[in-house]
Amino acid sequence: MNGYLLDACALLALLNDEPGADMVDSLLGSESPIFMSIVNVLEVAYDAVRRNRQGNAAGMVLRLVRSAGIEILWSMTESEMIASARWKAQGKLSLADAIALGIAETRSFKLVSADHHELDPLVAQGLVHVEWIR
């Protein structure tokens, strides 16, 4: 593996001190690089703005992501887009989860998630490997 790719629920667990936050924190303290797609960062930023009803909450999320040492992937390659489209067409995945899977697959990242609802069926079929935080 070339690193870890956090999805939105992994970052939310860390920011909200939810179950699994300790695992995300230990990944951040490791030697392995940690990445997030901007789409997944956007999910967390949207949640923060909605909860706090303040537009500056999105900027705060960005600053927290950067200060945690998470590298934001601001764009996708053609290969990542094609892989993401294939994942989205395969099942009942959110667009953000399909993008995370496409990026993780293409870059050989290990996807870090707590999203059993959408990802368990793919894991059960042996299509993906997920580093579960809870």
N, C-alpha and C. Protein backbone atom coordinates (compact mmCIF):
# COMPACT_ATOMS: atom_id res chain seq x y z
N MET A 1 0.84 -1.18 0.00
CA MET A 1 0.00 0.00 0.00
C MET A 1 0.88 1.25 0.00
N ASN A 2 0.42 2.25 -0.72
CA ASN A 2 1.14 3.51 -0.80
C ASN A 2 0.67 4.53 0.22
N GLY A 3 -0.27 4.18 1.04
CA GLY A 3 -0.80 5.12 2.02
C GLY A 3 -2.24 4.79 2.34
N TYR A 4 -2.85 5.66 3.09
CA TYR A 4 -4.24 5.49 3.51
C TYR A 4 -5.08 6.62 2.94
N LEU A 5 -6.31 6.28 2.58
CA LEU A 5 -7.27 7.26 2.09
C LEU A 5 -8.44 7.27 3.06
N LEU A 6 -8.61 8.39 3.77
CA LEU A 6 -9.74 8.51 4.70
C LEU A 6 -10.99 8.89 3.94
N ASP A 7 -12.11 8.30 4.33
CA ASP A 7 -13.37 8.80 3.80
C ASP A 7 -13.96 9.76 4.84
N ALA A 8 -15.12 10.31 4.54
CA ALA A 8 -15.70 11.34 5.41
C ALA A 8 -15.98 10.82 6.81
N CYS A 9 -16.51 9.60 6.92
CA CYS A 9 -16.86 9.12 8.26
C CYS A 9 -15.62 8.90 9.13
N ALA A 10 -14.49 8.58 8.53
CA ALA A 10 -13.26 8.44 9.31
C ALA A 10 -12.83 9.79 9.88
N LEU A 11 -12.91 10.84 9.06
CA LEU A 11 -12.55 12.17 9.54
C LEU A 11 -13.57 12.66 10.57
N LEU A 12 -14.83 12.40 10.34
CA LEU A 12 -15.87 12.81 11.30
C LEU A 12 -15.66 12.13 12.64
N ALA A 13 -15.27 10.86 12.63
CA ALA A 13 -15.00 10.16 13.89
C ALA A 13 -13.89 10.87 14.66
N LEU A 14 -12.85 11.27 13.94
CA LEU A 14 -11.73 11.97 14.58
C LEU A 14 -12.16 13.33 15.12
N LEU A 15 -12.83 14.11 14.29
CA LEU A 15 -13.20 15.47 14.69
C LEU A 15 -14.22 15.51 15.81
N ASN A 16 -15.12 14.50 15.85
CA ASN A 16 -16.19 14.48 16.84
C ASN A 16 -15.88 13.55 18.01
N ASP A 17 -14.66 13.01 18.05
CA ASP A 17 -14.24 12.08 19.10
C ASP A 17 -15.24 10.93 19.25
N GLU A 18 -15.59 10.35 18.11
CA GLU A 18 -16.51 9.22 18.07
C GLU A 18 -15.71 7.92 18.16
N PRO A 19 -16.40 6.79 18.37
CA PRO A 19 -15.69 5.50 18.31
C PRO A 19 -14.92 5.39 17.00
N GLY A 20 -13.68 4.93 17.11
CA GLY A 20 -12.81 4.81 15.94
C GLY A 20 -11.84 5.98 15.82
N ALA A 21 -12.07 7.05 16.58
CA ALA A 21 -11.19 8.22 16.51
C ALA A 21 -9.76 7.85 16.88
N ASP A 22 -9.61 6.96 17.85
CA ASP A 22 -8.28 6.56 18.28
C ASP A 22 -7.52 5.86 17.15
N MET A 23 -8.22 5.08 16.35
CA MET A 23 -7.56 4.40 15.23
C MET A 23 -7.11 5.39 14.17
N VAL A 24 -7.97 6.35 13.86
CA VAL A 24 -7.60 7.38 12.88
C VAL A 24 -6.43 8.18 13.41
N ASP A 25 -6.46 8.52 14.68
CA ASP A 25 -5.37 9.27 15.30
C ASP A 25 -4.05 8.50 15.22
N SER A 26 -4.10 7.20 15.43
CA SER A 26 -2.87 6.42 15.35
C SER A 26 -2.35 6.35 13.92
N LEU A 27 -3.24 6.31 12.94
CA LEU A 27 -2.80 6.35 11.54
C LEU A 27 -2.10 7.67 11.24
N LEU A 28 -2.65 8.76 11.76
CA LEU A 28 -2.05 10.07 11.53
C LEU A 28 -0.68 10.18 12.17
N GLY A 29 -0.46 9.44 13.24
CA GLY A 29 0.84 9.46 13.91
C GLY A 29 1.83 8.47 13.32
N SER A 30 1.42 7.72 12.33
CA SER A 30 2.30 6.72 11.73
C SER A 30 3.17 7.34 10.64
N GLU A 31 4.04 6.54 10.10
CA GLU A 31 4.92 6.96 9.01
C GLU A 31 4.20 6.99 7.66
N SER A 32 3.05 6.33 7.58
CA SER A 32 2.34 6.22 6.31
C SER A 32 1.67 7.54 5.94
N PRO A 33 1.70 7.90 4.65
CA PRO A 33 1.00 9.11 4.23
C PRO A 33 -0.52 8.91 4.28
N ILE A 34 -1.22 9.98 4.64
CA ILE A 34 -2.68 9.95 4.76
C ILE A 34 -3.25 10.96 3.77
N PHE A 35 -4.25 10.52 3.02
CA PHE A 35 -4.86 11.34 1.98
C PHE A 35 -6.37 11.40 2.17
N MET A 36 -6.97 12.41 1.57
CA MET A 36 -8.43 12.50 1.45
C MET A 36 -8.77 13.16 0.12
N SER A 37 -9.79 12.65 -0.51
CA SER A 37 -10.33 13.30 -1.70
C SER A 37 -11.03 14.58 -1.27
N ILE A 38 -10.93 15.60 -2.09
CA ILE A 38 -11.64 16.85 -1.78
C ILE A 38 -13.14 16.61 -1.66
N VAL A 39 -13.66 15.62 -2.36
CA VAL A 39 -15.09 15.31 -2.28
C VAL A 39 -15.46 14.85 -0.87
N ASN A 40 -14.60 14.02 -0.26
CA ASN A 40 -14.85 13.58 1.10
C ASN A 40 -14.64 14.70 2.11
N VAL A 41 -13.66 15.57 1.87
CA VAL A 41 -13.48 16.74 2.73
C VAL A 41 -14.72 17.63 2.63
N LEU A 42 -15.25 17.77 1.43
CA LEU A 42 -16.46 18.57 1.22
C LEU A 42 -17.63 18.01 2.03
N GLU A 43 -17.75 16.69 2.10
CA GLU A 43 -18.83 16.08 2.91
C GLU A 43 -18.72 16.53 4.37
N VAL A 44 -17.51 16.52 4.90
CA VAL A 44 -17.30 16.90 6.29
C VAL A 44 -17.54 18.39 6.47
N ALA A 45 -17.06 19.19 5.52
CA ALA A 45 -17.27 20.64 5.59
C ALA A 45 -18.75 20.99 5.53
N TYR A 46 -19.46 20.32 4.64
CA TYR A 46 -20.91 20.54 4.53
C TYR A 46 -21.59 20.22 5.86
N ASP A 47 -21.20 19.10 6.46
CA ASP A 47 -21.78 18.70 7.74
C ASP A 47 -21.50 19.75 8.81
N ALA A 48 -20.29 20.28 8.81
CA ALA A 48 -19.93 21.31 9.81
C ALA A 48 -20.73 22.59 9.61
N VAL A 49 -20.90 23.01 8.36
CA VAL A 49 -21.67 24.23 8.08
C VAL A 49 -23.13 24.02 8.48
N ARG A 50 -23.66 22.85 8.15
CA ARG A 50 -25.07 22.54 8.47
C ARG A 50 -25.28 22.53 9.98
N ARG A 51 -24.38 21.89 10.70
CA ARG A 51 -24.53 21.79 12.16
C ARG A 51 -24.34 23.13 12.85
N ASN A 52 -23.32 23.88 12.42
CA ASN A 52 -22.97 25.12 13.10
C ASN A 52 -23.68 26.34 12.53
N ARG A 53 -24.27 26.16 11.36
CA ARG A 53 -24.98 27.25 10.68
C ARG A 53 -24.07 28.47 10.47
N GLN A 54 -22.78 28.18 10.25
CA GLN A 54 -21.81 29.24 10.00
C GLN A 54 -20.97 28.86 8.79
N GLY A 55 -20.90 29.75 7.83
CA GLY A 55 -20.13 29.49 6.62
C GLY A 55 -18.66 29.26 6.86
N ASN A 56 -18.11 29.87 7.92
CA ASN A 56 -16.69 29.71 8.18
C ASN A 56 -16.34 28.33 8.71
N ALA A 57 -17.33 27.51 9.02
CA ALA A 57 -17.07 26.15 9.50
C ALA A 57 -16.35 25.33 8.43
N ALA A 58 -16.64 25.59 7.16
CA ALA A 58 -15.96 24.86 6.08
C ALA A 58 -14.47 25.17 6.07
N GLY A 59 -14.11 26.42 6.25
CA GLY A 59 -12.70 26.81 6.32
C GLY A 59 -12.01 26.20 7.53
N MET A 60 -12.74 26.10 8.62
CA MET A 60 -12.19 25.49 9.82
C MET A 60 -11.87 24.01 9.57
N VAL A 61 -12.75 23.32 8.86
CA VAL A 61 -12.50 21.92 8.53
C VAL A 61 -11.24 21.80 7.68
N LEU A 62 -11.11 22.66 6.69
CA LEU A 62 -9.91 22.63 5.85
C LEU A 62 -8.65 22.83 6.68
N ARG A 63 -8.67 23.79 7.58
CA ARG A 63 -7.50 24.04 8.42
C ARG A 63 -7.18 22.84 9.31
N LEU A 64 -8.21 22.20 9.85
CA LEU A 64 -8.00 21.02 10.69
C LEU A 64 -7.41 19.87 9.89
N VAL A 65 -7.91 19.67 8.68
CA VAL A 65 -7.39 18.60 7.82
C VAL A 65 -5.91 18.85 7.54
N ARG A 66 -5.59 20.07 7.17
CA ARG A 66 -4.19 20.41 6.87
C ARG A 66 -3.30 20.27 8.10
N SER A 67 -3.78 20.75 9.25
CA SER A 67 -2.95 20.69 10.46
C SER A 67 -2.76 19.25 10.93
N ALA A 68 -3.67 18.36 10.57
CA ALA A 68 -3.53 16.94 10.93
C ALA A 68 -2.53 16.22 10.03
N GLY A 69 -2.08 16.90 8.99
CA GLY A 69 -1.12 16.28 8.08
C GLY A 69 -1.75 15.45 6.99
N ILE A 70 -3.03 15.64 6.77
CA ILE A 70 -3.75 14.91 5.72
C ILE A 70 -3.56 15.66 4.42
N GLU A 71 -3.11 14.95 3.40
CA GLU A 71 -2.93 15.58 2.09
C GLU A 71 -4.24 15.51 1.32
N ILE A 72 -4.72 16.66 0.89
CA ILE A 72 -5.97 16.73 0.14
C ILE A 72 -5.68 16.50 -1.34
N LEU A 73 -6.43 15.59 -1.93
CA LEU A 73 -6.35 15.33 -3.36
C LEU A 73 -7.39 16.23 -4.03
N TRP A 74 -6.93 17.31 -4.63
CA TRP A 74 -7.81 18.34 -5.17
C TRP A 74 -8.40 17.98 -6.53
N SER A 75 -7.85 16.98 -7.19
CA SER A 75 -8.36 16.61 -8.51
C SER A 75 -8.22 15.11 -8.69
N MET A 76 -8.78 14.63 -9.79
CA MET A 76 -8.74 13.21 -10.13
C MET A 76 -8.06 13.04 -11.48
N THR A 77 -7.41 11.91 -11.62
CA THR A 77 -6.86 11.56 -12.92
C THR A 77 -7.94 10.90 -13.76
N GLU A 78 -7.66 10.74 -15.02
CA GLU A 78 -8.60 10.05 -15.91
C GLU A 78 -8.85 8.62 -15.42
N SER A 79 -7.81 7.93 -15.01
CA SER A 79 -7.94 6.55 -14.52
C SER A 79 -8.81 6.50 -13.26
N GLU A 80 -8.64 7.48 -12.38
CA GLU A 80 -9.46 7.53 -11.16
C GLU A 80 -10.92 7.80 -11.48
N MET A 81 -11.16 8.66 -12.44
CA MET A 81 -12.54 8.95 -12.85
C MET A 81 -13.20 7.71 -13.42
N ILE A 82 -12.49 6.98 -14.26
CA ILE A 82 -13.05 5.77 -14.88
C ILE A 82 -13.32 4.71 -13.82
N ALA A 83 -12.38 4.52 -12.90
CA ALA A 83 -12.58 3.55 -11.82
C ALA A 83 -13.75 3.96 -10.93
N SER A 84 -13.86 5.25 -10.63
CA SER A 84 -14.96 5.75 -9.80
C SER A 84 -16.31 5.53 -10.47
N ALA A 85 -16.37 5.76 -11.76
CA ALA A 85 -17.61 5.54 -12.51
C ALA A 85 -18.01 4.06 -12.48
N ARG A 86 -17.02 3.20 -12.60
CA ARG A 86 -17.28 1.75 -12.56
C ARG A 86 -17.82 1.36 -11.19
N TRP A 87 -17.23 1.89 -10.11
CA TRP A 87 -17.72 1.59 -8.76
C TRP A 87 -19.14 2.12 -8.56
N LYS A 88 -19.40 3.33 -9.03
CA LYS A 88 -20.74 3.92 -8.86
C LYS A 88 -21.78 3.10 -9.60
N ALA A 89 -21.44 2.57 -10.77
CA ALA A 89 -22.38 1.78 -11.56
C ALA A 89 -22.63 0.40 -10.96
N GLN A 90 -21.71 -0.08 -10.13
CA GLN A 90 -21.83 -1.44 -9.59
C GLN A 90 -22.85 -1.59 -8.48
N GLY A 91 -23.15 -0.56 -7.78
CA GLY A 91 -24.02 -0.77 -6.64
C GLY A 91 -24.57 0.51 -6.08
N LYS A 92 -25.11 0.36 -4.91
CA LYS A 92 -25.77 1.48 -4.24
C LYS A 92 -24.75 2.23 -3.39
N LEU A 93 -23.86 2.90 -4.07
CA LEU A 93 -22.84 3.69 -3.41
C LEU A 93 -23.13 5.17 -3.60
N SER A 94 -22.77 5.96 -2.61
CA SER A 94 -22.82 7.39 -2.82
C SER A 94 -21.73 7.76 -3.81
N LEU A 95 -21.87 8.89 -4.45
CA LEU A 95 -20.85 9.34 -5.38
C LEU A 95 -19.51 9.52 -4.65
N ALA A 96 -19.55 10.06 -3.44
CA ALA A 96 -18.32 10.27 -2.67
C ALA A 96 -17.62 8.95 -2.37
N ASP A 97 -18.38 7.93 -1.99
CA ASP A 97 -17.77 6.62 -1.72
C ASP A 97 -17.22 6.00 -2.99
N ALA A 98 -17.92 6.16 -4.10
CA ALA A 98 -17.42 5.63 -5.38
C ALA A 98 -16.11 6.31 -5.76
N ILE A 99 -16.03 7.61 -5.53
CA ILE A 99 -14.80 8.35 -5.83
C ILE A 99 -13.67 7.86 -4.91
N ALA A 100 -13.96 7.68 -3.64
CA ALA A 100 -12.94 7.19 -2.72
C ALA A 100 -12.44 5.81 -3.15
N LEU A 101 -13.35 4.94 -3.54
CA LEU A 101 -12.95 3.61 -4.00
C LEU A 101 -12.11 3.69 -5.28
N GLY A 102 -12.52 4.55 -6.20
CA GLY A 102 -11.77 4.70 -7.44
C GLY A 102 -10.35 5.20 -7.21
N ILE A 103 -10.22 6.16 -6.31
CA ILE A 103 -8.89 6.70 -5.99
C ILE A 103 -8.06 5.65 -5.25
N ALA A 104 -8.67 4.99 -4.26
CA ALA A 104 -7.94 3.98 -3.50
C ALA A 104 -7.46 2.85 -4.41
N GLU A 105 -8.32 2.42 -5.30
CA GLU A 105 -7.95 1.34 -6.23
C GLU A 105 -6.81 1.78 -7.15
N THR A 106 -6.95 2.93 -7.76
CA THR A 106 -5.99 3.39 -8.75
C THR A 106 -4.62 3.67 -8.13
N ARG A 107 -4.62 4.24 -6.94
CA ARG A 107 -3.35 4.62 -6.30
C ARG A 107 -2.84 3.57 -5.31
N SER A 108 -3.55 2.46 -5.19
CA SER A 108 -3.19 1.40 -4.24
C SER A 108 -3.15 1.90 -2.81
N PHE A 109 -4.12 2.75 -2.46
CA PHE A 109 -4.28 3.21 -1.08
C PHE A 109 -5.19 2.24 -0.35
N LYS A 110 -5.05 2.18 0.95
CA LYS A 110 -5.97 1.42 1.78
C LYS A 110 -7.07 2.38 2.23
N LEU A 111 -8.31 2.06 1.91
CA LEU A 111 -9.44 2.91 2.28
C LEU A 111 -9.76 2.73 3.76
N VAL A 112 -9.89 3.85 4.48
CA VAL A 112 -10.20 3.85 5.91
C VAL A 112 -11.62 4.38 6.07
N SER A 113 -12.49 3.56 6.70
CA SER A 113 -13.90 3.92 6.75
C SER A 113 -14.59 3.28 7.94
N ALA A 114 -15.80 3.75 8.21
CA ALA A 114 -16.71 3.11 9.14
C ALA A 114 -18.05 2.89 8.45
N ASP A 115 -18.08 3.06 7.15
CA ASP A 115 -19.32 3.03 6.37
C ASP A 115 -19.68 1.60 5.96
N HIS A 116 -20.05 0.80 6.95
CA HIS A 116 -20.41 -0.59 6.69
C HIS A 116 -21.62 -0.71 5.77
N HIS A 117 -22.55 0.20 5.92
CA HIS A 117 -23.80 0.13 5.14
C HIS A 117 -23.52 0.02 3.63
N GLU A 118 -22.65 0.86 3.13
CA GLU A 118 -22.38 0.86 1.69
C GLU A 118 -21.25 -0.07 1.28
N LEU A 119 -20.28 -0.28 2.16
CA LEU A 119 -19.08 -1.01 1.75
C LEU A 119 -19.08 -2.49 2.11
N ASP A 120 -19.84 -2.91 3.13
CA ASP A 120 -19.86 -4.32 3.51
C ASP A 120 -20.20 -5.26 2.35
N PRO A 121 -21.19 -4.93 1.52
CA PRO A 121 -21.49 -5.85 0.40
C PRO A 121 -20.30 -6.03 -0.55
N LEU A 122 -19.53 -4.99 -0.76
CA LEU A 122 -18.36 -5.08 -1.64
C LEU A 122 -17.24 -5.88 -0.99
N VAL A 123 -17.08 -5.71 0.32
CA VAL A 123 -16.08 -6.49 1.05
C VAL A 123 -16.47 -7.96 1.05
N ALA A 124 -17.76 -8.25 1.28
CA ALA A 124 -18.24 -9.64 1.29
C ALA A 124 -18.00 -10.34 -0.04
N GLN A 125 -18.06 -9.59 -1.12
CA GLN A 125 -17.83 -10.16 -2.45
C GLN A 125 -16.33 -10.24 -2.78
N GLY A 126 -15.49 -9.76 -1.88
CA GLY A 126 -14.06 -9.78 -2.11
C GLY A 126 -13.58 -8.74 -3.12
N LEU A 127 -14.39 -7.72 -3.36
CA LEU A 127 -14.05 -6.71 -4.36
C LEU A 127 -13.13 -5.61 -3.81
N VAL A 128 -13.22 -5.36 -2.51
CA VAL A 128 -12.41 -4.31 -1.91
C VAL A 128 -11.93 -4.75 -0.54
N HIS A 129 -10.89 -4.10 -0.08
CA HIS A 129 -10.42 -4.26 1.28
C HIS A 129 -10.55 -2.92 1.96
N VAL A 130 -11.13 -2.91 3.15
CA VAL A 130 -11.33 -1.66 3.88
C VAL A 130 -10.68 -1.81 5.26
N GLU A 131 -10.01 -0.77 5.68
CA GLU A 131 -9.47 -0.69 7.03
C GLU A 131 -10.58 -0.07 7.89
N TRP A 132 -11.28 -0.92 8.63
CA TRP A 132 -12.43 -0.45 9.42
C TRP A 132 -11.94 0.23 10.69
N ILE A 133 -12.55 1.36 11.02
CA ILE A 133 -12.18 2.04 12.26
C ILE A 133 -13.11 1.64 13.41
N ARG A 134 -14.24 1.01 13.06
CA ARG A 134 -15.16 0.48 14.09
C ARG A 134 -16.05 -0.55 13.44
